[in-house]
C-alpha cells in the first residue's frame, strides 16, 4: 500500500499534520518522557503522579499518562480541592486506587500533531520505546491496546467529509480482516463498527446532505466516541454546542481531524511501524478521491453486504479485494 494520491495540505492550505496516540505497557511514564527528551529535546513537566508532559521545541507538547479516565478525573478533582483547601476525598481515593489501576491499565503517549513529512520522527520514538521494553496488543490476550491516528482534514466542506465516511464504511470489513483486529479489542468494543442502519443510509449514491443533516444523521446514530472512525472531535470543531447537547461526554476534544481508532498497537511486532497503519488510512482517502470507483462499490455493497438476508459480511470483505487492487 502506498501513501501516494492523498491530499498533502489541510483545510487551511498548510501542510497537513497528523497526531498519534500510542497505548502500551512495560515502560514507566518517567522513562517514556526521558526518551522523548533524548530524541527531540524539550522540558519535562510533571502534571500529577499519573501524567507527565514534555514540551518539545518545533514539535509541541507530548503527553504521557496512565490511560484510566476515572483516575484522571479523580486527580483533577484532587487538584481543585487542594487549591480550594477543601477536604481532599478524591485524593485519598486516588491513593487507594493507584496500585490496583496501574497493574492493568495501559500508559499512553499522546503526540502533538506533526507534519506528514515528519511521521518518521514519531516512528523513531516507537522504536526507542520498543528497545526499552514497551509492549503492545500482542503481548497478552488481556491487552486491548490501540493506536489512534488523527489526520487533519483536507477540507471542512460537507462533501469532503461525506465521501471519506462513505469510503471508510465500504472498506471497514476489508480493513478489519487485513489489520487482524485483536479479539480483546473487539470484545471490549473500544472501536465499534457503525450501526448497519446508519451505513445503509450513508451508502447511497443519492446521499448528499448539507452539513446540518450530515451532523444530525451522525449524532442520531452515533452518540458515542467508541466508533472505529470517531467523527465527534471533527463535528465538535464545526459546531461544539450541537455535539455537546447530543453527547454527554467530557472526553470529546474538538479538533479538525478524523479520529481513526481501529488499529492495534503492535509494539511487540518488530516488523510493525506507524506507517503500516497510516497507509491503511491512506487507502480510505484514495477511495474518497475516486468518485467512479466509490459509486461502483456503493452499488455492489448494497447488493451484497447491504442485503439483510445475505449474511454476506465475509463475502463483501473478499469482494473488496478487487476494488482495493485498483487503488
C-alpha atoms as a PDB file:
ATOM      1  CA  UNK A   1       0.000   0.000   0.000  1.00  0.00           C
ATOM      2  CA  UNK A   2       1.149   3.497  -0.824  1.00  0.00           C
ATOM      3  CA  UNK A   3       0.769   6.994   0.583  1.00  0.00           C
ATOM      4  CA  UNK A   4       0.547   8.439  -2.916  1.00  0.00           C
ATOM      5  CA  UNK A   5      -2.538  10.266  -4.084  1.00  0.00           C
ATOM      6  CA  UNK A   6      -3.717  11.720  -0.779  1.00  0.00           C
ATOM      7  CA  UNK A   7      -4.057  15.460  -0.077  1.00  0.00           C
ATOM      8  CA  UNK A   8      -0.849  16.947   1.284  1.00  0.00           C
ATOM      9  CA  UNK A   9      -2.430  20.186   2.528  1.00  0.00           C
ATOM     10  CA  UNK A  10      -5.064  20.746   5.165  1.00  0.00           C
ATOM     11  CA  UNK A  11      -8.276  22.777   5.089  1.00  0.00           C
ATOM     12  CA  UNK A  12      -6.248  25.973   5.643  1.00  0.00           C
ATOM     13  CA  UNK A  13      -3.826  25.314   2.762  1.00  0.00           C
ATOM     14  CA  UNK A  14      -0.931  24.369   5.059  1.00  0.00           C
ATOM     15  CA  UNK A  15       0.986  21.096   5.164  1.00  0.00           C
ATOM     16  CA  UNK A  16      -1.271  18.508   6.740  1.00  0.00           C
ATOM     17  CA  UNK A  17      -0.415  17.333  10.206  1.00  0.00           C
ATOM     18  CA  UNK A  18      -1.112  14.036  11.888  1.00  0.00           C
ATOM     19  CA  UNK A  19      -1.319  13.033  15.534  1.00  0.00           C
ATOM     20  CA  UNK A  20      -0.731   9.603  17.071  1.00  0.00           C
ATOM     21  CA  UNK A  21      -1.928   8.164  20.386  1.00  0.00           C
ATOM     22  CA  UNK A  22       0.112   5.118  21.409  1.00  0.00           C
ATOM     23  CA  UNK A  23      -1.178   2.768  24.139  1.00  0.00           C
ATOM     24  CA  UNK A  24       1.374   0.433  25.736  1.00  0.00           C
ATOM     25  CA  UNK A  25       2.612  -1.231  28.882  1.00  0.00           C
ATOM     26  CA  UNK A  26       6.035  -2.153  30.262  1.00  0.00           C
ATOM     27  CA  UNK A  27       7.655   1.288  30.313  1.00  0.00           C
ATOM     28  CA  UNK A  28       7.222   3.896  33.021  1.00  0.00           C
ATOM     29  CA  UNK A  29       5.872   7.371  32.366  1.00  0.00           C
ATOM     30  CA  UNK A  30       9.158   8.880  33.514  1.00  0.00           C
ATOM     31  CA  UNK A  31      11.291   6.713  31.233  1.00  0.00           C
ATOM     32  CA  UNK A  32       8.982   7.360  28.282  1.00  0.00           C
ATOM     33  CA  UNK A  33       9.212  11.104  28.868  1.00  0.00           C
ATOM     34  CA  UNK A  34      13.006  10.890  29.056  1.00  0.00           C
ATOM     35  CA  UNK A  35      13.102   9.037  25.729  1.00  0.00           C
ATOM     36  CA  UNK A  36      11.177  11.917  24.169  1.00  0.00           C
ATOM     37  CA  UNK A  37      13.701  14.402  25.556  1.00  0.00           C
ATOM     38  CA  UNK A  38      16.624  12.250  24.393  1.00  0.00           C
ATOM     39  CA  UNK A  39      15.231  12.188  20.850  1.00  0.00           C
ATOM     40  CA  UNK A  40      13.808  15.675  20.424  1.00  0.00           C
ATOM     41  CA  UNK A  41      14.939  17.816  23.344  1.00  0.00           C
ATOM     42  CA  UNK A  42      12.459  19.673  25.473  1.00  0.00           C
ATOM     43  CA  UNK A  43      11.430  20.115  29.082  1.00  0.00           C
ATOM     44  CA  UNK A  44       9.603  17.572  31.252  1.00  0.00           C
ATOM     45  CA  UNK A  45       6.717  18.916  33.309  1.00  0.00           C
ATOM     46  CA  UNK A  46       5.027  16.751  35.943  1.00  0.00           C
ATOM     47  CA  UNK A  47       1.254  17.342  35.960  1.00  0.00           C
ATOM     48  CA  UNK A  48       0.437  14.756  38.645  1.00  0.00           C
ATOM     49  CA  UNK A  49       1.638  11.306  39.581  1.00  0.00           C
ATOM     50  CA  UNK A  50      -0.020   9.669  36.581  1.00  0.00           C
ATOM     51  CA  UNK A  51       0.623  12.318  33.960  1.00  0.00           C
ATOM     52  CA  UNK A  52       3.807  13.833  32.548  1.00  0.00           C
ATOM     53  CA  UNK A  53       4.132  16.383  29.755  1.00  0.00           C
ATOM     54  CA  UNK A  54       7.136  17.123  27.565  1.00  0.00           C
ATOM     55  CA  UNK A  55       7.292  20.484  25.820  1.00  0.00           C
ATOM     56  CA  UNK A  56       9.386  19.994  22.673  1.00  0.00           C
ATOM     57  CA  UNK A  57      10.573  22.925  20.545  1.00  0.00           C
ATOM     58  CA  UNK A  58       9.267  22.777  16.957  1.00  0.00           C
ATOM     59  CA  UNK A  59       7.054  19.729  17.585  1.00  0.00           C
ATOM     60  CA  UNK A  60       4.869  20.748  20.522  1.00  0.00           C
ATOM     61  CA  UNK A  61       3.534  19.086  23.657  1.00  0.00           C
ATOM     62  CA  UNK A  62       3.761  15.325  24.236  1.00  0.00           C
ATOM     63  CA  UNK A  63       1.504  13.989  26.979  1.00  0.00           C
ATOM     64  CA  UNK A  64       2.446  10.730  28.701  1.00  0.00           C
ATOM     65  CA  UNK A  65      -0.189   9.406  31.050  1.00  0.00           C
ATOM     66  CA  UNK A  66      -1.836   6.435  32.648  1.00  0.00           C
ATOM     67  CA  UNK A  67      -4.841   5.808  30.458  1.00  0.00           C
ATOM     68  CA  UNK A  68      -7.519   5.478  33.110  1.00  0.00           C
ATOM     69  CA  UNK A  69     -10.247   8.063  32.760  1.00  0.00           C
ATOM     70  CA  UNK A  70     -11.566   7.566  36.286  1.00  0.00           C
ATOM     71  CA  UNK A  71      -8.149   8.144  37.784  1.00  0.00           C
ATOM     72  CA  UNK A  72      -7.653  11.249  35.647  1.00  0.00           C
ATOM     73  CA  UNK A  73     -10.973  12.648  36.811  1.00  0.00           C
ATOM     74  CA  UNK A  74     -10.090  11.942  40.437  1.00  0.00           C
ATOM     75  CA  UNK A  75      -6.707  13.601  40.032  1.00  0.00           C
ATOM     76  CA  UNK A  76      -8.264  16.727  38.524  1.00  0.00           C
ATOM     77  CA  UNK A  77     -10.790  16.932  41.351  1.00  0.00           C
ATOM     78  CA  UNK A  78      -7.976  16.411  43.849  1.00  0.00           C
ATOM     79  CA  UNK A  79      -6.034  19.379  42.457  1.00  0.00           C
ATOM     80  CA  UNK A  80      -9.147  21.555  42.649  1.00  0.00           C
ATOM     81  CA  UNK A  81      -9.761  20.533  46.254  1.00  0.00           C
ATOM     82  CA  UNK A  82      -6.201  21.249  47.294  1.00  0.00           C
ATOM     83  CA  UNK A  83      -6.313  24.650  45.611  1.00  0.00           C
ATOM     84  CA  UNK A  84      -9.517  25.460  47.499  1.00  0.00           C
ATOM     85  CA  UNK A  85      -8.095  23.996  50.756  1.00  0.00           C
ATOM     86  CA  UNK A  86     -11.076  21.647  50.884  1.00  0.00           C
ATOM     87  CA  UNK A  87     -11.260  18.088  52.194  1.00  0.00           C
ATOM     88  CA  UNK A  88      -9.403  16.034  49.566  1.00  0.00           C
ATOM     89  CA  UNK A  89     -11.620  12.915  49.439  1.00  0.00           C
ATOM     90  CA  UNK A  90     -10.729  12.367  45.788  1.00  0.00           C
ATOM     91  CA  UNK A  91      -7.039  12.479  46.627  1.00  0.00           C
ATOM     92  CA  UNK A  92      -7.497   9.798  49.275  1.00  0.00           C
ATOM     93  CA  UNK A  93      -9.385   7.617  46.783  1.00  0.00           C
ATOM     94  CA  UNK A  94      -6.635   8.205  44.248  1.00  0.00           C
ATOM     95  CA  UNK A  95      -4.065   6.808  46.700  1.00  0.00           C
ATOM     96  CA  UNK A  96      -6.154   3.693  47.295  1.00  0.00           C
ATOM     97  CA  UNK A  97      -6.899   3.049  43.625  1.00  0.00           C
ATOM     98  CA  UNK A  98      -3.463   3.782  42.194  1.00  0.00           C
ATOM     99  CA  UNK A  99      -1.792   0.471  42.944  1.00  0.00           C
ATOM    100  CA  UNK A 100      -4.729  -1.514  41.572  1.00  0.00           C
ATOM    101  CA  UNK A 101      -5.240   0.552  38.453  1.00  0.00           C
ATOM    102  CA  UNK A 102      -1.607   0.743  37.415  1.00  0.00           C
ATOM    103  CA  UNK A 103      -1.380  -3.048  37.452  1.00  0.00           C
ATOM    104  CA  UNK A 104      -3.569  -3.450  34.355  1.00  0.00           C
ATOM    105  CA  UNK A 105      -4.148  -0.050  32.776  1.00  0.00           C
ATOM    106  CA  UNK A 106      -2.004   0.956  29.798  1.00  0.00           C
ATOM    107  CA  UNK A 107       0.114   4.042  29.542  1.00  0.00           C
ATOM    108  CA  UNK A 108      -0.445   6.330  26.586  1.00  0.00           C
ATOM    109  CA  UNK A 109       1.695   8.760  24.645  1.00  0.00           C
ATOM    110  CA  UNK A 110      -0.420  11.481  23.060  1.00  0.00           C
ATOM    111  CA  UNK A 111       1.821  13.014  20.432  1.00  0.00           C
ATOM    112  CA  UNK A 112       1.372  16.553  19.129  1.00  0.00           C
ATOM    113  CA  UNK A 113       0.196  16.829  15.528  1.00  0.00           C
ATOM    114  CA  UNK A 114       3.278  16.733  13.311  1.00  0.00           C
ATOM    115  CA  UNK A 115       3.616  17.457   9.571  1.00  0.00           C
ATOM    116  CA  UNK A 116       3.195  14.441   7.317  1.00  0.00           C
ATOM    117  CA  UNK A 117       6.851  14.840   6.366  1.00  0.00           C
ATOM    118  CA  UNK A 118       7.846  14.127   9.984  1.00  0.00           C
ATOM    119  CA  UNK A 119       5.955  10.892  10.654  1.00  0.00           C
ATOM    120  CA  UNK A 120       9.298   9.077  10.788  1.00  0.00           C
ATOM    121  CA  UNK A 121      10.302  11.222  13.780  1.00  0.00           C
ATOM    122  CA  UNK A 122       7.407   9.781  15.762  1.00  0.00           C
ATOM    123  CA  UNK A 123       8.245   6.313  14.489  1.00  0.00           C
ATOM    124  CA  UNK A 124      11.743   6.766  15.904  1.00  0.00           C
ATOM    125  CA  UNK A 125      10.086   7.260  19.299  1.00  0.00           C
ATOM    126  CA  UNK A 126       8.184   3.995  18.745  1.00  0.00           C
ATOM    127  CA  UNK A 127      11.473   2.195  18.035  1.00  0.00           C
ATOM    128  CA  UNK A 128      13.079   3.656  21.144  1.00  0.00           C
ATOM    129  CA  UNK A 129      10.113   2.558  23.269  1.00  0.00           C
ATOM    130  CA  UNK A 130      10.401  -0.975  21.864  1.00  0.00           C
ATOM    131  CA  UNK A 131      14.107  -1.124  22.690  1.00  0.00           C
ATOM    132  CA  UNK A 132      13.300  -0.123  26.253  1.00  0.00           C
ATOM    133  CA  UNK A 133      10.709  -2.880  26.688  1.00  0.00           C
ATOM    134  CA  UNK A 134       7.380  -1.272  25.834  1.00  0.00           C
ATOM    135  CA  UNK A 135       4.791  -3.882  24.850  1.00  0.00           C
ATOM    136  CA  UNK A 136       1.588  -3.632  22.874  1.00  0.00           C
ATOM    137  CA  UNK A 137      -1.521  -5.539  21.854  1.00  0.00           C
ATOM    138  CA  UNK A 138       0.166  -8.839  21.011  1.00  0.00           C
ATOM    139  CA  UNK A 139       1.872  -9.301  24.381  1.00  0.00           C
ATOM    140  CA  UNK A 140      -1.230 -10.632  26.150  1.00  0.00           C
ATOM    141  CA  UNK A 141      -4.829 -11.587  25.401  1.00  0.00           C
ATOM    142  CA  UNK A 142      -5.811  -9.066  28.068  1.00  0.00           C
ATOM    143  CA  UNK A 143      -4.214  -6.083  26.316  1.00  0.00           C
ATOM    144  CA  UNK A 144      -6.802  -4.215  24.238  1.00  0.00           C
ATOM    145  CA  UNK A 145      -4.274  -1.537  23.293  1.00  0.00           C
ATOM    146  CA  UNK A 146      -4.859   0.692  20.304  1.00  0.00           C
ATOM    147  CA  UNK A 147      -3.030   3.121  18.074  1.00  0.00           C
ATOM    148  CA  UNK A 148      -5.236   6.117  17.362  1.00  0.00           C
ATOM    149  CA  UNK A 149      -4.447   8.208  14.275  1.00  0.00           C
ATOM    150  CA  UNK A 150      -5.630  11.791  13.915  1.00  0.00           C
ATOM    151  CA  UNK A 151      -5.006  13.192  10.422  1.00  0.00           C
ATOM    152  CA  UNK A 152      -6.070  16.764   9.757  1.00  0.00           C
ATOM    153  CA  UNK A 153      -8.913  17.007   7.279  1.00  0.00           C
ATOM    154  CA  UNK A 154      -8.008  18.377   3.850  1.00  0.00           C
ATOM    155  CA  UNK A 155     -11.361  20.182   3.679  1.00  0.00           C
ATOM    156  CA  UNK A 156     -14.172  21.182   6.018  1.00  0.00           C
ATOM    157  CA  UNK A 157     -16.769  21.021   3.241  1.00  0.00           C
ATOM    158  CA  UNK A 158     -19.553  18.522   3.828  1.00  0.00           C
ATOM    159  CA  UNK A 159     -18.972  16.705   0.530  1.00  0.00           C
ATOM    160  CA  UNK A 160     -15.363  16.006   1.514  1.00  0.00           C
ATOM    161  CA  UNK A 161     -16.453  14.586   4.883  1.00  0.00           C
ATOM    162  CA  UNK A 162     -19.228  12.564   3.241  1.00  0.00           C
ATOM    163  CA  UNK A 163     -17.057  10.799   0.676  1.00  0.00           C
ATOM    164  CA  UNK A 164     -14.428   9.979   3.290  1.00  0.00           C
ATOM    165  CA  UNK A 165     -17.020   8.477   5.613  1.00  0.00           C
ATOM    166  CA  UNK A 166     -18.566   6.513   2.737  1.00  0.00           C
ATOM    167  CA  UNK A 167     -15.138   5.193   1.800  1.00  0.00           C
ATOM    168  CA  UNK A 168     -14.448   4.077   5.344  1.00  0.00           C
ATOM    169  CA  UNK A 169     -17.774   2.266   5.563  1.00  0.00           C
ATOM    170  CA  UNK A 170     -17.065   0.496   2.271  1.00  0.00           C
ATOM    171  CA  UNK A 171     -13.607  -0.600   3.376  1.00  0.00           C
ATOM    172  CA  UNK A 172     -14.366  -1.424   7.017  1.00  0.00           C
ATOM    173  CA  UNK A 173     -14.838  -5.203   6.647  1.00  0.00           C
ATOM    174  CA  UNK A 174     -11.744  -5.489   4.460  1.00  0.00           C
ATOM    175  CA  UNK A 175      -9.694  -3.389   6.886  1.00  0.00           C
ATOM    176  CA  UNK A 176     -10.840  -5.414   9.876  1.00  0.00           C
ATOM    177  CA  UNK A 177      -9.665  -8.599   8.170  1.00  0.00           C
ATOM    178  CA  UNK A 178      -6.453  -7.060   6.815  1.00  0.00           C
ATOM    179  CA  UNK A 179      -5.486  -5.423  10.106  1.00  0.00           C
ATOM    180  CA  UNK A 180      -6.339  -8.541  12.176  1.00  0.00           C
ATOM    181  CA  UNK A 181      -8.085  -6.510  14.865  1.00  0.00           C
ATOM    182  CA  UNK A 182      -7.334  -8.025  18.256  1.00  0.00           C
ATOM    183  CA  UNK A 183     -10.120 -10.182  19.736  1.00  0.00           C
ATOM    184  CA  UNK A 184      -9.959  -8.413  23.094  1.00  0.00           C
ATOM    185  CA  UNK A 185     -10.421  -5.048  21.399  1.00  0.00           C
ATOM    186  CA  UNK A 186     -13.468  -6.431  19.581  1.00  0.00           C
ATOM    187  CA  UNK A 187     -14.965  -7.783  22.803  1.00  0.00           C
ATOM    188  CA  UNK A 188     -14.371  -4.574  24.747  1.00  0.00           C
ATOM    189  CA  UNK A 189     -15.761  -2.584  21.798  1.00  0.00           C
ATOM    190  CA  UNK A 190     -13.371   0.340  22.098  1.00  0.00           C
ATOM    191  CA  UNK A 191     -13.648   0.776  18.315  1.00  0.00           C
ATOM    192  CA  UNK A 192     -17.091  -0.433  17.320  1.00  0.00           C
ATOM    193  CA  UNK A 193     -18.326  -0.621  13.739  1.00  0.00           C
ATOM    194  CA  UNK A 194     -21.060   1.760  12.662  1.00  0.00           C
ATOM    195  CA  UNK A 195     -24.656   0.564  13.034  1.00  0.00           C
ATOM    196  CA  UNK A 196     -25.923  -1.160   9.921  1.00  0.00           C
ATOM    197  CA  UNK A 197     -28.901   1.212   9.713  1.00  0.00           C
ATOM    198  CA  UNK A 198     -26.543   4.152   9.547  1.00  0.00           C
ATOM    199  CA  UNK A 199     -24.362   2.504   6.908  1.00  0.00           C
ATOM    200  CA  UNK A 200     -27.432   1.821   4.757  1.00  0.00           C
ATOM    201  CA  UNK A 201     -28.414   5.480   4.990  1.00  0.00           C
ATOM    202  CA  UNK A 202     -24.984   6.864   4.165  1.00  0.00           C
ATOM    203  CA  UNK A 203     -24.062   4.328   1.495  1.00  0.00           C
ATOM    204  CA  UNK A 204     -26.335   5.598  -1.196  1.00  0.00           C
ATOM    205  CA  UNK A 205     -25.286   7.391  -4.360  1.00  0.00           C
ATOM    206  CA  UNK A 206     -28.151   9.768  -3.579  1.00  0.00           C
ATOM    207  CA  UNK A 207     -26.888  10.632  -0.096  1.00  0.00           C
ATOM    208  CA  UNK A 208     -25.788  14.252  -0.489  1.00  0.00           C
ATOM    209  CA  UNK A 209     -26.755  16.029   2.733  1.00  0.00           C
ATOM    210  CA  UNK A 210     -25.987  19.576   3.710  1.00  0.00           C
ATOM    211  CA  UNK A 211     -23.827  19.988   6.818  1.00  0.00           C
ATOM    212  CA  UNK A 212     -26.782  20.256   9.193  1.00  0.00           C
ATOM    213  CA  UNK A 213     -28.279  16.972   8.016  1.00  0.00           C
ATOM    214  CA  UNK A 214     -24.883  15.264   7.894  1.00  0.00           C
ATOM    215  CA  UNK A 215     -24.255  16.165  11.536  1.00  0.00           C
ATOM    216  CA  UNK A 216     -27.794  15.289  12.547  1.00  0.00           C
ATOM    217  CA  UNK A 217     -27.613  11.836  10.981  1.00  0.00           C
ATOM    218  CA  UNK A 218     -24.245  11.123  12.575  1.00  0.00           C
ATOM    219  CA  UNK A 219     -25.270  12.243  16.054  1.00  0.00           C
ATOM    220  CA  UNK A 220     -28.570  10.360  15.922  1.00  0.00           C
ATOM    221  CA  UNK A 221     -26.906   7.030  15.154  1.00  0.00           C
ATOM    222  CA  UNK A 222     -23.530   7.548  16.859  1.00  0.00           C
ATOM    223  CA  UNK A 223     -23.823   9.376  20.185  1.00  0.00           C
ATOM    224  CA  UNK A 224     -20.563   7.783  21.351  1.00  0.00           C
ATOM    225  CA  UNK A 225     -16.802   8.105  20.897  1.00  0.00           C
ATOM    226  CA  UNK A 226     -16.487   4.349  20.530  1.00  0.00           C
ATOM    227  CA  UNK A 227     -16.544   4.052  16.767  1.00  0.00           C
ATOM    228  CA  UNK A 228     -13.761   2.697  14.579  1.00  0.00           C
ATOM    229  CA  UNK A 229     -13.815   6.125  12.931  1.00  0.00           C
ATOM    230  CA  UNK A 230     -14.851   8.672  15.541  1.00  0.00           C
ATOM    231  CA  UNK A 231     -16.171  11.829  13.872  1.00  0.00           C
ATOM    232  CA  UNK A 232     -17.169  13.599  17.092  1.00  0.00           C
ATOM    233  CA  UNK A 233     -13.955  15.642  17.531  1.00  0.00           C
ATOM    234  CA  UNK A 234     -14.342  16.981  13.996  1.00  0.00           C
ATOM    235  CA  UNK A 235     -18.048  17.702  14.367  1.00  0.00           C
ATOM    236  CA  UNK A 236     -17.334  19.451  17.679  1.00  0.00           C
ATOM    237  CA  UNK A 237     -14.799  21.624  15.868  1.00  0.00           C
ATOM    238  CA  UNK A 238     -17.554  22.616  13.440  1.00  0.00           C
ATOM    239  CA  UNK A 239     -20.400  23.026  15.961  1.00  0.00           C
ATOM    240  CA  UNK A 240     -19.379  22.268  19.525  1.00  0.00           C
ATOM    241  CA  UNK A 241     -22.682  23.279  21.110  1.00  0.00           C
ATOM    242  CA  UNK A 242     -24.655  20.836  18.966  1.00  0.00           C
ATOM    243  CA  UNK A 243     -22.318  17.942  19.737  1.00  0.00           C
ATOM    244  CA  UNK A 244     -22.268  18.666  23.492  1.00  0.00           C
ATOM    245  CA  UNK A 245     -26.054  18.739  23.523  1.00  0.00           C
ATOM    246  CA  UNK A 246     -26.288  15.349  21.772  1.00  0.00           C
ATOM    247  CA  UNK A 247     -23.393  13.552  23.515  1.00  0.00           C
ATOM    248  CA  UNK A 248     -22.711  13.930  27.224  1.00  0.00           C
ATOM    249  CA  UNK A 249     -19.021  13.100  27.252  1.00  0.00           C
ATOM    250  CA  UNK A 250     -16.371  15.475  28.565  1.00  0.00           C
ATOM    251  CA  UNK A 251     -13.628  13.420  26.898  1.00  0.00           C
ATOM    252  CA  UNK A 252     -14.574  14.674  23.428  1.00  0.00           C
ATOM    253  CA  UNK A 253     -11.813  17.051  22.349  1.00  0.00           C
ATOM    254  CA  UNK A 254     -12.682  19.252  19.410  1.00  0.00           C
ATOM    255  CA  UNK A 255     -10.096  19.269  16.621  1.00  0.00           C
ATOM    256  CA  UNK A 256     -10.170  19.466  12.805  1.00  0.00           C
ATOM    257  CA  UNK A 257      -9.141  15.833  12.333  1.00  0.00           C
ATOM    258  CA  UNK A 258     -10.520  12.409  11.658  1.00  0.00           C
ATOM    259  CA  UNK A 259     -10.082  10.105  14.659  1.00  0.00           C
ATOM    260  CA  UNK A 260      -9.149   6.642  13.362  1.00  0.00           C
ATOM    261  CA  UNK A 261      -9.402   4.324  16.385  1.00  0.00           C
ATOM    262  CA  UNK A 262      -9.237   0.995  14.586  1.00  0.00           C
ATOM    263  CA  UNK A 263      -5.556  -0.095  14.574  1.00  0.00           C
ATOM    264  CA  UNK A 264      -3.968  -2.393  17.112  1.00  0.00           C
ATOM    265  CA  UNK A 265      -0.831  -1.076  18.794  1.00  0.00           C
ATOM    266  CA  UNK A 266       1.637  -3.790  17.798  1.00  0.00           C
ATOM    267  CA  UNK A 267       4.735  -2.546  19.604  1.00  0.00           C
ATOM    268  CA  UNK A 268       5.796  -6.142  20.207  1.00  0.00           C
ATOM    269  CA  UNK A 269       5.991  -6.829  16.437  1.00  0.00           C
ATOM    270  CA  UNK A 270       9.453  -5.833  15.112  1.00  0.00           C
ATOM    271  CA  UNK A 271       8.110  -5.503  11.561  1.00  0.00           C
ATOM    272  CA  UNK A 272       5.329  -3.094  12.508  1.00  0.00           C
ATOM    273  CA  UNK A 273       5.581   0.683  12.104  1.00  0.00           C
ATOM    274  CA  UNK A 274       3.270   3.649  12.443  1.00  0.00           C
ATOM    275  CA  UNK A 275       3.303   3.996   8.675  1.00  0.00           C
ATOM    276  CA  UNK A 276       1.814   0.495   8.433  1.00  0.00           C
ATOM    277  CA  UNK A 277      -1.419   1.798   9.918  1.00  0.00           C
ATOM    278  CA  UNK A 278      -1.195   5.246   8.325  1.00  0.00           C
ATOM    279  CA  UNK A 279      -1.166   3.576   4.909  1.00  0.00           C
ATOM    280  CA  UNK A 280      -4.366   1.746   5.791  1.00  0.00           C
ATOM    281  CA  UNK A 281      -5.953   5.150   6.340  1.00  0.00           C
ATOM    282  CA  UNK A 282      -4.471   6.449   3.097  1.00  0.00           C
ATOM    283  CA  UNK A 283      -6.430   3.751   1.295  1.00  0.00           C
ATOM    284  CA  UNK A 284      -9.632   5.320   2.627  1.00  0.00           C
ATOM    285  CA  UNK A 285      -8.607   8.732   1.325  1.00  0.00           C
ATOM    286  CA  UNK A 286      -7.667   7.395  -2.090  1.00  0.00           C
ATOM    287  CA  UNK A 287     -11.083   5.782  -2.442  1.00  0.00           C
ATOM    288  CA  UNK A 288     -12.681   9.056  -1.330  1.00  0.00           C
ATOM    289  CA  UNK A 289     -10.927  10.789  -4.235  1.00  0.00           C
ATOM    290  CA  UNK A 290     -12.099   8.194  -6.788  1.00  0.00           C
ATOM    291  CA  UNK A 291     -15.765   9.019  -7.407  1.00  0.00           C
ATOM    292  CA  UNK A 292     -16.388   6.375 -10.043  1.00  0.00           C
ATOM    293  CA  UNK A 293     -14.848   3.505  -8.070  1.00  0.00           C
ATOM    294  CA  UNK A 294     -16.591   4.574  -4.873  1.00  0.00           C
ATOM    295  CA  UNK A 295     -20.000   4.763  -6.558  1.00  0.00           C
ATOM    296  CA  UNK A 296     -19.435   1.339  -8.139  1.00  0.00           C
ATOM    297  CA  UNK A 297     -18.574  -0.020  -4.700  1.00  0.00           C
ATOM    298  CA  UNK A 298     -21.695   1.516  -3.189  1.00  0.00           C
ATOM    299  CA  UNK A 299     -23.864  -0.276  -5.742  1.00  0.00           C
ATOM    300  CA  UNK A 300     -22.045  -3.556  -5.094  1.00  0.00           C
ATOM    301  CA  UNK A 301     -22.234  -3.107  -1.320  1.00  0.00           C
ATOM    302  CA  UNK A 302     -25.974  -2.577  -1.432  1.00  0.00           C
ATOM    303  CA  UNK A 303     -26.367  -5.793  -3.419  1.00  0.00           C
ATOM    304  CA  UNK A 304     -24.090  -7.892  -1.193  1.00  0.00           C
ATOM    305  CA  UNK A 305     -23.417  -6.553   2.297  1.00  0.00           C
ATOM    306  CA  UNK A 306     -26.451  -4.279   2.348  1.00  0.00           C
ATOM    307  CA  UNK A 307     -28.816  -7.213   1.950  1.00  0.00           C
ATOM    308  CA  UNK A 308     -30.024  -8.123   5.476  1.00  0.00           C
ATOM    309  CA  UNK A 309     -30.761 -11.715   4.414  1.00  0.00           C
ATOM    310  CA  UNK A 310     -27.467 -12.459   2.725  1.00  0.00           C
ATOM    311  CA  UNK A 311     -25.213 -12.744   5.779  1.00  0.00           C
ATOM    312  CA  UNK A 312     -22.513 -11.628   3.404  1.00  0.00           C
ATOM    313  CA  UNK A 313     -20.098  -9.591   5.514  1.00  0.00           C
ATOM    314  CA  UNK A 314     -17.274 -12.030   4.792  1.00  0.00           C
ATOM    315  CA  UNK A 315     -18.244 -12.161   1.117  1.00  0.00           C
ATOM    316  CA  UNK A 316     -18.106  -8.383   0.936  1.00  0.00           C
ATOM    317  CA  UNK A 317     -14.668  -8.324   2.556  1.00  0.00           C
ATOM    318  CA  UNK A 318     -13.438 -10.726  -0.119  1.00  0.00           C
ATOM    319  CA  UNK A 319     -15.182  -8.819  -2.905  1.00  0.00           C
ATOM    320  CA  UNK A 320     -13.454  -5.651  -1.744  1.00  0.00           C
ATOM    321  CA  UNK A 321     -10.100  -7.164  -2.758  1.00  0.00           C
ATOM    322  CA  UNK A 322     -10.954  -6.437  -6.405  1.00  0.00           C
ATOM    323  CA  UNK A 323     -11.548  -2.744  -5.732  1.00  0.00           C
ATOM    324  CA  UNK A 324      -8.548  -2.365  -3.424  1.00  0.00           C
ATOM    325  CA  UNK A 325      -6.213  -3.761  -6.060  1.00  0.00           C
ATOM    326  CA  UNK A 326      -7.339  -0.980  -8.380  1.00  0.00           C
ATOM    327  CA  UNK A 327      -6.442   1.633  -5.778  1.00  0.00           C
END
